[in-house]
Amino acid sequence: MSGTVKAGSSKEFKTGSWRTLEPKYDKEKCTNCMFCVVFCPEDCIKSKDGKRLETDYDYCKGCGICAVECPIKCIRMEEKE
């Protein structure tokens, strides 16, 4: 079938070039609550040992859900560079 994408193949496609805004977070202000990690629909905010890591911009589409859900508002959406 033409135009069909097999299930579970999203990691094969770098969709980050679609975004016009990108999330930037303040490492000093971040409390590692992990809300951004849990709510990111693209699973592009990683964590390790209870600490938030950098955003994988290859897959971030700039939806802003992480910024909306952050309880301390340490994430802001900025124009893509």
Protein backbone atom coordinates (compact mmCIF):
# COMPACT_ATOMS: atom_id res chain seq x y z
CA MET A 1 0.00 0.00 0.00
CA SER A 2 1.29 3.40 -0.88
CA GLY A 3 1.53 5.97 1.94
CA THR A 4 1.33 3.40 4.72
CA VAL A 5 3.76 3.55 7.63
CA LYS A 6 4.22 0.43 9.72
CA ALA A 7 3.39 0.65 13.42
CA GLY A 8 6.29 1.40 15.75
CA SER A 9 8.43 3.00 13.05
CA SER A 10 8.45 6.61 14.30
CA LYS A 11 12.09 6.39 15.45
CA GLU A 12 13.06 5.76 11.82
CA PHE A 13 11.91 9.26 10.83
CA LYS A 14 13.54 12.41 12.17
CA THR A 15 10.53 14.71 12.39
CA GLY A 16 12.16 17.57 14.29
CA SER A 17 12.59 19.68 11.18
CA TRP A 18 8.82 20.34 11.24
CA ARG A 19 8.89 22.57 14.30
CA THR A 20 9.03 26.36 14.35
CA LEU A 21 9.31 26.57 18.14
CA GLU A 22 11.55 24.56 20.42
CA PRO A 23 11.51 24.01 24.17
CA LYS A 24 14.37 25.43 26.21
CA TYR A 25 14.59 24.68 29.90
CA ASP A 26 16.34 26.35 32.81
CA LYS A 27 18.53 23.63 34.37
CA GLU A 28 18.96 25.66 37.55
CA LYS A 29 15.22 26.07 38.07
CA CYS A 30 14.25 22.50 37.08
CA THR A 31 13.19 20.30 40.03
CA ASN A 32 13.22 17.05 38.00
CA CYS A 33 9.52 16.46 38.59
CA MET A 34 9.49 14.52 35.27
CA PHE A 35 6.16 16.00 34.12
CA CYS A 36 7.79 16.99 30.82
CA VAL A 37 9.19 13.48 30.35
CA VAL A 38 5.81 11.84 31.02
CA PHE A 39 3.71 14.23 28.92
CA CYS A 40 5.97 14.48 25.85
CA PRO A 41 4.00 12.71 23.10
CA GLU A 42 7.15 12.02 21.08
CA ASP A 43 9.25 10.65 23.97
CA CYS A 44 12.05 13.05 23.08
CA ILE A 45 12.79 14.28 26.63
CA LYS A 46 14.91 11.61 28.24
CA SER A 47 15.77 10.98 31.88
CA LYS A 48 18.32 8.95 33.76
CA ASP A 49 18.50 8.19 37.48
CA GLY A 50 15.59 10.54 38.21
CA LYS A 51 17.16 13.48 36.39
CA ARG A 52 15.85 15.18 33.27
CA LEU A 53 18.25 15.08 30.33
CA GLU A 54 18.37 17.19 27.18
CA THR A 55 15.62 17.21 24.56
CA ASP A 56 16.25 15.15 21.43
CA TYR A 57 15.52 17.84 18.84
CA ASP A 58 15.70 15.28 16.02
CA TYR A 59 12.21 14.17 17.07
CA CYS A 60 10.76 17.18 18.95
CA LYS A 61 7.92 18.70 16.92
CA GLY A 62 7.64 21.83 19.09
CA CYS A 63 4.11 21.15 20.34
CA GLY A 64 4.78 22.91 23.67
CA ILE A 65 3.04 20.35 25.87
CA CYS A 66 6.17 20.11 28.04
CA ALA A 67 6.08 23.88 28.68
CA VAL A 68 2.35 23.85 29.48
CA GLU A 69 2.64 20.90 31.88
CA CYS A 70 5.76 22.11 33.73
CA PRO A 71 4.49 23.10 37.20
CA ILE A 72 7.31 25.58 37.84
CA LYS A 73 7.40 26.95 34.28
CA CYS A 74 11.12 26.36 33.75
CA ILE A 75 10.45 25.43 30.10
CA ARG A 76 9.83 28.16 27.55
CA MET A 77 9.10 27.85 23.85
CA GLU A 78 11.48 29.82 21.62
CA GLU A 79 11.76 30.37 17.89
CA LYS A 80 13.78 27.61 16.28
CA GLU A 81 17.32 28.72 15.48
